[in-house]
Amino acid sequence: MASLPSSWINSNDQQLWRGLREGNELAFTAIFDRYHRTLYNYGSKLAADSALIEDAVQEVFIDVWRMRASLSEDILSIKFYLYRSLRRRIQRIQGKYQSSENIDEIADEEATPMSITEETVQIEQESKAMLTRRIQELLAHLPKRQAEALTLYYYDDFSISQIAQIMDVNEKSVRNFIHRALTSLRQSRNWLIGSLLISWLLLSM
């Protein structure tokens, strides 16, 4: 397959989206190349079945191309659109969240979290000497929604408002998910565990 022209590779989201809506296959290919891996990595936080994730990712891109003419003109982030679409598709495949996850969300609602800024300052001030693998192991033991919110915030750079839209919860829930996840990471080993969280999210995937 021939490589894409640099004009498309270097295009911003608005240019790619405009090309997609106009039916330009190169624009669609550029979007796929830019976001496929990232989208799959996000899907792996939502489900353990790699085949299910890959199918869901492929279906999202198929729908984007199939519905290209009816897509909204106003879009600031293709990544945000794709993440939200993938999460909804995986939810449809898996069915509604189980009661245990709903209970976890209710408990999160009752928490009184520190501000995200305060949490971030604490993380950045702590030692960054532990192995990436340890952080991955710890995240794997977090409740699914806490790990997802944490990843969306620190790795994918989505705002609290955007995460709330992606996860279909309110902003208070997102802040609680993040706060409780950070608290769990610190309590699970010691206060140094949280210090590598930012580093892992930036270096992994």
C-alpha atoms as a PDB file:
ATOM      1  CA  MET A   1       0.000   0.000   0.000  1.00  0.00           C
ATOM      2  CA  ALA A   2       1.397   3.379  -1.005  1.00  0.00           C
ATOM      3  CA  SER A   3       2.252   5.788   1.782  1.00  0.00           C
ATOM      4  CA  LEU A   4       0.046   8.782   2.391  1.00  0.00           C
ATOM      5  CA  PRO A   5       1.085  12.170   1.040  1.00  0.00           C
ATOM      6  CA  SER A   6       2.684  14.333   3.721  1.00  0.00           C
ATOM      7  CA  SER A   7      -0.074  16.899   3.208  1.00  0.00           C
ATOM      8  CA  TRP A   8      -2.556  14.466   4.761  1.00  0.00           C
ATOM      9  CA  ILE A   9      -0.189  13.051   7.356  1.00  0.00           C
ATOM     10  CA  ASN A  10       0.467  16.568   8.670  1.00  0.00           C
ATOM     11  CA  SER A  11      -3.136  17.770   8.486  1.00  0.00           C
ATOM     12  CA  ASN A  12      -4.908  18.829  11.657  1.00  0.00           C
ATOM     13  CA  ASP A  13      -8.159  17.303  12.883  1.00  0.00           C
ATOM     14  CA  GLN A  14     -10.355  19.930  11.258  1.00  0.00           C
ATOM     15  CA  GLN A  15      -8.748  19.408   7.846  1.00  0.00           C
ATOM     16  CA  LEU A  16      -8.985  15.628   8.111  1.00  0.00           C
ATOM     17  CA  TRP A  17     -12.595  15.799   9.251  1.00  0.00           C
ATOM     18  CA  ARG A  18     -13.513  18.094   6.384  1.00  0.00           C
ATOM     19  CA  GLY A  19     -11.853  15.727   3.922  1.00  0.00           C
ATOM     20  CA  LEU A  20     -13.644  12.763   5.460  1.00  0.00           C
ATOM     21  CA  ARG A  21     -17.040  14.434   5.187  1.00  0.00           C
ATOM     22  CA  GLU A  22     -16.304  15.162   1.537  1.00  0.00           C
ATOM     23  CA  GLY A  23     -15.588  11.469   0.913  1.00  0.00           C
ATOM     24  CA  ASN A  24     -11.818  11.722   0.566  1.00  0.00           C
ATOM     25  CA  GLU A  25     -10.376   8.261   1.160  1.00  0.00           C
ATOM     26  CA  LEU A  26      -6.918   9.651   1.920  1.00  0.00           C
ATOM     27  CA  ALA A  27      -8.352  11.725   4.750  1.00  0.00           C
ATOM     28  CA  PHE A  28     -10.087   8.656   6.140  1.00  0.00           C
ATOM     29  CA  THR A  29      -6.883   6.605   5.877  1.00  0.00           C
ATOM     30  CA  ALA A  30      -4.945   9.342   7.659  1.00  0.00           C
ATOM     31  CA  ILE A  31      -7.490   9.326  10.490  1.00  0.00           C
ATOM     32  CA  PHE A  32      -7.297   5.541  10.726  1.00  0.00           C
ATOM     33  CA  ASP A  33      -3.490   5.522  10.770  1.00  0.00           C
ATOM     34  CA  ARG A  34      -3.345   8.287  13.366  1.00  0.00           C
ATOM     35  CA  TYR A  35      -5.875   6.908  15.825  1.00  0.00           C
ATOM     36  CA  HIS A  36      -6.254   3.148  15.337  1.00  0.00           C
ATOM     37  CA  ARG A  37      -3.574   2.097  17.804  1.00  0.00           C
ATOM     38  CA  THR A  38      -4.584   4.675  20.393  1.00  0.00           C
ATOM     39  CA  LEU A  39      -8.216   3.628  20.095  1.00  0.00           C
ATOM     40  CA  TYR A  40      -7.309  -0.032  20.529  1.00  0.00           C
ATOM     41  CA  ASN A  41      -5.257   0.781  23.621  1.00  0.00           C
ATOM     42  CA  TYR A  42      -8.219   2.615  25.100  1.00  0.00           C
ATOM     43  CA  GLY A  43     -10.467  -0.331  24.309  1.00  0.00           C
ATOM     44  CA  SER A  44      -8.112  -2.621  26.218  1.00  0.00           C
ATOM     45  CA  LYS A  45      -9.009  -0.649  29.349  1.00  0.00           C
ATOM     46  CA  LEU A  46     -12.670  -1.455  28.796  1.00  0.00           C
ATOM     47  CA  ALA A  47     -12.528  -5.147  27.869  1.00  0.00           C
ATOM     48  CA  ALA A  48     -10.106  -8.053  28.156  1.00  0.00           C
ATOM     49  CA  ASP A  49     -11.116  -9.759  24.900  1.00  0.00           C
ATOM     50  CA  SER A  50      -8.666  -8.565  22.236  1.00  0.00           C
ATOM     51  CA  ALA A  51     -10.829  -9.882  19.399  1.00  0.00           C
ATOM     52  CA  LEU A  52     -13.850  -8.009  20.741  1.00  0.00           C
ATOM     53  CA  ILE A  53     -11.807  -4.815  21.008  1.00  0.00           C
ATOM     54  CA  GLU A  54     -10.417  -5.105  17.478  1.00  0.00           C
ATOM     55  CA  ASP A  55     -13.865  -5.801  16.063  1.00  0.00           C
ATOM     56  CA  ALA A  56     -15.323  -2.833  17.922  1.00  0.00           C
ATOM     57  CA  VAL A  57     -12.537  -0.523  16.702  1.00  0.00           C
ATOM     58  CA  GLN A  58     -13.009  -1.680  13.117  1.00  0.00           C
ATOM     59  CA  GLU A  59     -16.755  -1.161  13.362  1.00  0.00           C
ATOM     60  CA  VAL A  60     -16.265   2.375  14.660  1.00  0.00           C
ATOM     61  CA  PHE A  61     -14.136   3.255  11.631  1.00  0.00           C
ATOM     62  CA  ILE A  62     -16.565   1.507   9.279  1.00  0.00           C
ATOM     63  CA  ASP A  63     -19.415   3.572  10.711  1.00  0.00           C
ATOM     64  CA  VAL A  64     -17.389   6.770  10.439  1.00  0.00           C
ATOM     65  CA  TRP A  65     -16.850   6.132   6.735  1.00  0.00           C
ATOM     66  CA  ARG A  66     -20.388   4.915   6.104  1.00  0.00           C
ATOM     67  CA  MET A  67     -21.951   7.911   7.850  1.00  0.00           C
ATOM     68  CA  ARG A  68     -19.368  10.453   6.665  1.00  0.00           C
ATOM     69  CA  ALA A  69     -21.826  12.663   4.804  1.00  0.00           C
ATOM     70  CA  SER A  70     -24.055  13.060   7.853  1.00  0.00           C
ATOM     71  CA  LEU A  71     -21.292  13.723  10.383  1.00  0.00           C
ATOM     72  CA  SER A  72     -21.383  17.044  12.191  1.00  0.00           C
ATOM     73  CA  GLU A  73     -19.187  19.807  10.820  1.00  0.00           C
ATOM     74  CA  ASP A  74     -18.353  21.085  14.270  1.00  0.00           C
ATOM     75  CA  ILE A  75     -15.667  18.893  15.762  1.00  0.00           C
ATOM     76  CA  LEU A  76     -12.599  19.970  17.685  1.00  0.00           C
ATOM     77  CA  SER A  77     -11.141  16.546  18.458  1.00  0.00           C
ATOM     78  CA  ILE A  78     -11.452  13.425  16.324  1.00  0.00           C
ATOM     79  CA  LYS A  79      -9.886  11.449  19.161  1.00  0.00           C
ATOM     80  CA  PHE A  80     -12.685  12.494  21.527  1.00  0.00           C
ATOM     81  CA  TYR A  81     -15.334  11.500  18.973  1.00  0.00           C
ATOM     82  CA  LEU A  82     -13.715   8.101  18.387  1.00  0.00           C
ATOM     83  CA  TYR A  83     -13.233   7.338  22.080  1.00  0.00           C
ATOM     84  CA  ARG A  84     -16.837   8.113  22.853  1.00  0.00           C
ATOM     85  CA  SER A  85     -18.037   6.007  19.920  1.00  0.00           C
ATOM     86  CA  LEU A  86     -15.839   3.054  20.886  1.00  0.00           C
ATOM     87  CA  ARG A  87     -16.939   3.076  24.500  1.00  0.00           C
ATOM     88  CA  ARG A  88     -20.598   3.028  23.506  1.00  0.00           C
ATOM     89  CA  ARG A  89     -20.037   0.219  21.038  1.00  0.00           C
ATOM     90  CA  ILE A  90     -18.197  -1.945  23.557  1.00  0.00           C
ATOM     91  CA  GLN A  91     -20.956  -1.256  26.068  1.00  0.00           C
ATOM     92  CA  ARG A  92     -23.545  -2.446  23.571  1.00  0.00           C
ATOM     93  CA  ILE A  93     -21.542  -5.604  22.926  1.00  0.00           C
ATOM     94  CA  GLN A  94     -21.018  -6.393  26.574  1.00  0.00           C
ATOM     95  CA  GLY A  95     -24.421  -5.244  27.774  1.00  0.00           C
ATOM     96  CA  LYS A  96     -25.085  -2.906  30.647  1.00  0.00           C
ATOM     97  CA  TYR A  97     -22.636  -2.572  33.525  1.00  0.00           C
ATOM     98  CA  GLN A  98     -23.026  -5.220  36.177  1.00  0.00           C
ATOM     99  CA  SER A  99     -24.458  -4.301  39.546  1.00  0.00           C
ATOM    100  CA  SER A 100     -21.049  -4.446  41.217  1.00  0.00           C
ATOM    101  CA  GLU A 101     -19.831  -1.610  39.019  1.00  0.00           C
ATOM    102  CA  ASN A 102     -22.953   0.419  39.730  1.00  0.00           C
ATOM    103  CA  ILE A 103     -22.336  -0.015  43.442  1.00  0.00           C
ATOM    104  CA  ASP A 104     -18.775   1.132  42.950  1.00  0.00           C
ATOM    105  CA  GLU A 105     -20.017   4.282  41.220  1.00  0.00           C
ATOM    106  CA  ILE A 106     -22.458   5.021  44.046  1.00  0.00           C
ATOM    107  CA  ALA A 107     -19.635   4.722  46.547  1.00  0.00           C
ATOM    108  CA  ASP A 108     -17.535   7.070  44.447  1.00  0.00           C
ATOM    109  CA  GLU A 109     -20.344   9.625  44.448  1.00  0.00           C
ATOM    110  CA  GLU A 110     -20.191   9.752  48.229  1.00  0.00           C
ATOM    111  CA  ALA A 111     -16.455  10.433  48.376  1.00  0.00           C
ATOM    112  CA  THR A 112     -15.020  13.861  49.028  1.00  0.00           C
ATOM    113  CA  PRO A 113     -12.075  14.087  46.645  1.00  0.00           C
ATOM    114  CA  MET A 114      -9.138  16.395  46.720  1.00  0.00           C
ATOM    115  CA  SER A 115      -8.862  18.665  43.723  1.00  0.00           C
ATOM    116  CA  ILE A 116      -7.218  17.206  40.625  1.00  0.00           C
ATOM    117  CA  THR A 117      -4.645  20.001  40.740  1.00  0.00           C
ATOM    118  CA  GLU A 118      -3.671  19.105  44.300  1.00  0.00           C
ATOM    119  CA  GLU A 119      -3.399  15.426  43.390  1.00  0.00           C
ATOM    120  CA  THR A 120      -1.229  16.243  40.391  1.00  0.00           C
ATOM    121  CA  VAL A 121       1.122  18.405  42.451  1.00  0.00           C
ATOM    122  CA  GLN A 122       1.550  15.601  44.975  1.00  0.00           C
ATOM    123  CA  ILE A 123       2.315  13.075  42.240  1.00  0.00           C
ATOM    124  CA  GLU A 124       4.872  15.316  40.581  1.00  0.00           C
ATOM    125  CA  GLN A 125       6.625  15.913  43.892  1.00  0.00           C
ATOM    126  CA  GLU A 126       6.980  12.238  44.755  1.00  0.00           C
ATOM    127  CA  SER A 127       9.838   9.967  43.762  1.00  0.00           C
ATOM    128  CA  LYS A 128       9.814   8.504  40.210  1.00  0.00           C
ATOM    129  CA  ALA A 129      12.132   5.551  40.768  1.00  0.00           C
ATOM    130  CA  MET A 130       9.848   2.507  40.544  1.00  0.00           C
ATOM    131  CA  LEU A 131       9.391   0.193  37.551  1.00  0.00           C
ATOM    132  CA  THR A 132       6.690   0.727  34.922  1.00  0.00           C
ATOM    133  CA  ARG A 133       5.596  -2.879  35.301  1.00  0.00           C
ATOM    134  CA  ARG A 134       4.644  -2.332  38.925  1.00  0.00           C
ATOM    135  CA  ILE A 135       2.348   0.539  37.952  1.00  0.00           C
ATOM    136  CA  GLN A 136       0.714  -1.558  35.237  1.00  0.00           C
ATOM    137  CA  GLU A 137       0.108  -4.361  37.711  1.00  0.00           C
ATOM    138  CA  LEU A 138      -1.465  -1.978  40.180  1.00  0.00           C
ATOM    139  CA  LEU A 139      -3.725  -0.384  37.570  1.00  0.00           C
ATOM    140  CA  ALA A 140      -4.902  -3.833  36.547  1.00  0.00           C
ATOM    141  CA  HIS A 141      -6.251  -4.318  40.071  1.00  0.00           C
ATOM    142  CA  LEU A 142      -8.193  -1.051  40.152  1.00  0.00           C
ATOM    143  CA  PRO A 143     -11.946  -1.054  39.465  1.00  0.00           C
ATOM    144  CA  LYS A 144     -12.408  -0.716  35.727  1.00  0.00           C
ATOM    145  CA  ARG A 145     -13.981   2.735  35.806  1.00  0.00           C
ATOM    146  CA  GLN A 146     -11.286   4.170  38.065  1.00  0.00           C
ATOM    147  CA  ALA A 147      -8.501   2.900  35.804  1.00  0.00           C
ATOM    148  CA  GLU A 148     -10.324   4.220  32.749  1.00  0.00           C
ATOM    149  CA  ALA A 149     -10.842   7.715  34.183  1.00  0.00           C
ATOM    150  CA  LEU A 150      -7.238   7.869  35.358  1.00  0.00           C
ATOM    151  CA  THR A 151      -5.918   6.889  31.923  1.00  0.00           C
ATOM    152  CA  LEU A 152      -8.184   9.304  30.062  1.00  0.00           C
ATOM    153  CA  TYR A 153      -7.093  12.179  32.292  1.00  0.00           C
ATOM    154  CA  TYR A 154      -3.342  11.640  32.598  1.00  0.00           C
ATOM    155  CA  TYR A 155      -2.451   9.811  29.389  1.00  0.00           C
ATOM    156  CA  ASP A 156      -5.014  10.984  26.861  1.00  0.00           C
ATOM    157  CA  ASP A 157      -5.167  14.572  28.169  1.00  0.00           C
ATOM    158  CA  PHE A 158      -8.942  14.774  28.124  1.00  0.00           C
ATOM    159  CA  SER A 159     -10.574  17.332  30.386  1.00  0.00           C
ATOM    160  CA  ILE A 160     -12.853  16.320  33.241  1.00  0.00           C
ATOM    161  CA  SER A 161     -15.813  17.499  31.171  1.00  0.00           C
ATOM    162  CA  GLN A 162     -14.780  15.412  28.157  1.00  0.00           C
ATOM    163  CA  ILE A 163     -14.187  12.324  30.284  1.00  0.00           C
ATOM    164  CA  ALA A 164     -17.643  12.730  31.776  1.00  0.00           C
ATOM    165  CA  GLN A 165     -19.116  12.749  28.268  1.00  0.00           C
ATOM    166  CA  ILE A 166     -17.071   9.748  27.155  1.00  0.00           C
ATOM    167  CA  MET A 167     -17.985   7.709  30.225  1.00  0.00           C
ATOM    168  CA  ASP A 168     -21.594   8.947  30.379  1.00  0.00           C
ATOM    169  CA  VAL A 169     -21.319  10.094  33.989  1.00  0.00           C
ATOM    170  CA  ASN A 170     -21.245  13.499  35.648  1.00  0.00           C
ATOM    171  CA  GLU A 171     -18.063  15.450  36.364  1.00  0.00           C
ATOM    172  CA  LYS A 172     -18.259  14.741  40.095  1.00  0.00           C
ATOM    173  CA  SER A 173     -18.107  11.014  39.368  1.00  0.00           C
ATOM    174  CA  VAL A 174     -15.021  11.483  37.171  1.00  0.00           C
ATOM    175  CA  ARG A 175     -13.213  13.403  39.901  1.00  0.00           C
ATOM    176  CA  ASN A 176     -14.176  10.745  42.423  1.00  0.00           C
ATOM    177  CA  PHE A 177     -12.964   7.935  40.151  1.00  0.00           C
ATOM    178  CA  ILE A 178      -9.575   9.627  39.798  1.00  0.00           C
ATOM    179  CA  HIS A 179      -9.258  10.487  43.464  1.00  0.00           C
ATOM    180  CA  ARG A 180     -10.173   6.984  44.635  1.00  0.00           C
ATOM    181  CA  ALA A 181      -7.820   5.403  42.096  1.00  0.00           C
ATOM    182  CA  LEU A 182      -4.894   7.523  43.272  1.00  0.00           C
ATOM    183  CA  THR A 183      -5.747   6.780  46.888  1.00  0.00           C
ATOM    184  CA  SER A 184      -5.851   3.038  46.159  1.00  0.00           C
ATOM    185  CA  LEU A 185      -2.507   3.147  44.371  1.00  0.00           C
ATOM    186  CA  ARG A 186      -0.862   4.824  47.333  1.00  0.00           C
ATOM    187  CA  GLN A 187      -2.423   2.519  49.900  1.00  0.00           C
ATOM    188  CA  SER A 188      -1.736  -0.681  47.972  1.00  0.00           C
ATOM    189  CA  ARG A 189       2.036  -0.531  48.376  1.00  0.00           C
ATOM    190  CA  ASN A 190       3.263   2.778  49.791  1.00  0.00           C
ATOM    191  CA  TRP A 191       3.215   6.468  48.970  1.00  0.00           C
ATOM    192  CA  LEU A 192       5.921   6.049  46.306  1.00  0.00           C
ATOM    193  CA  ILE A 193       3.614   3.994  44.071  1.00  0.00           C
ATOM    194  CA  GLY A 194       1.649   7.002  42.905  1.00  0.00           C
ATOM    195  CA  SER A 195       4.790   8.817  41.869  1.00  0.00           C
ATOM    196  CA  LEU A 196       5.279   6.814  38.668  1.00  0.00           C
ATOM    197  CA  LEU A 197       1.705   7.111  37.488  1.00  0.00           C
ATOM    198  CA  ILE A 198       2.303  10.096  35.245  1.00  0.00           C
ATOM    199  CA  SER A 199       5.500   8.580  33.855  1.00  0.00           C
ATOM    200  CA  TRP A 200       3.835   5.282  33.024  1.00  0.00           C
ATOM    201  CA  LEU A 201       0.875   6.901  31.327  1.00  0.00           C
ATOM    202  CA  LEU A 202       3.194   9.003  29.194  1.00  0.00           C
ATOM    203  CA  LEU A 203       5.625   6.239  28.285  1.00  0.00           C
ATOM    204  CA  SER A 204       3.418   3.178  27.896  1.00  0.00           C
ATOM    205  CA  MET A 205       1.206   2.158  24.969  1.00  0.00           C
END
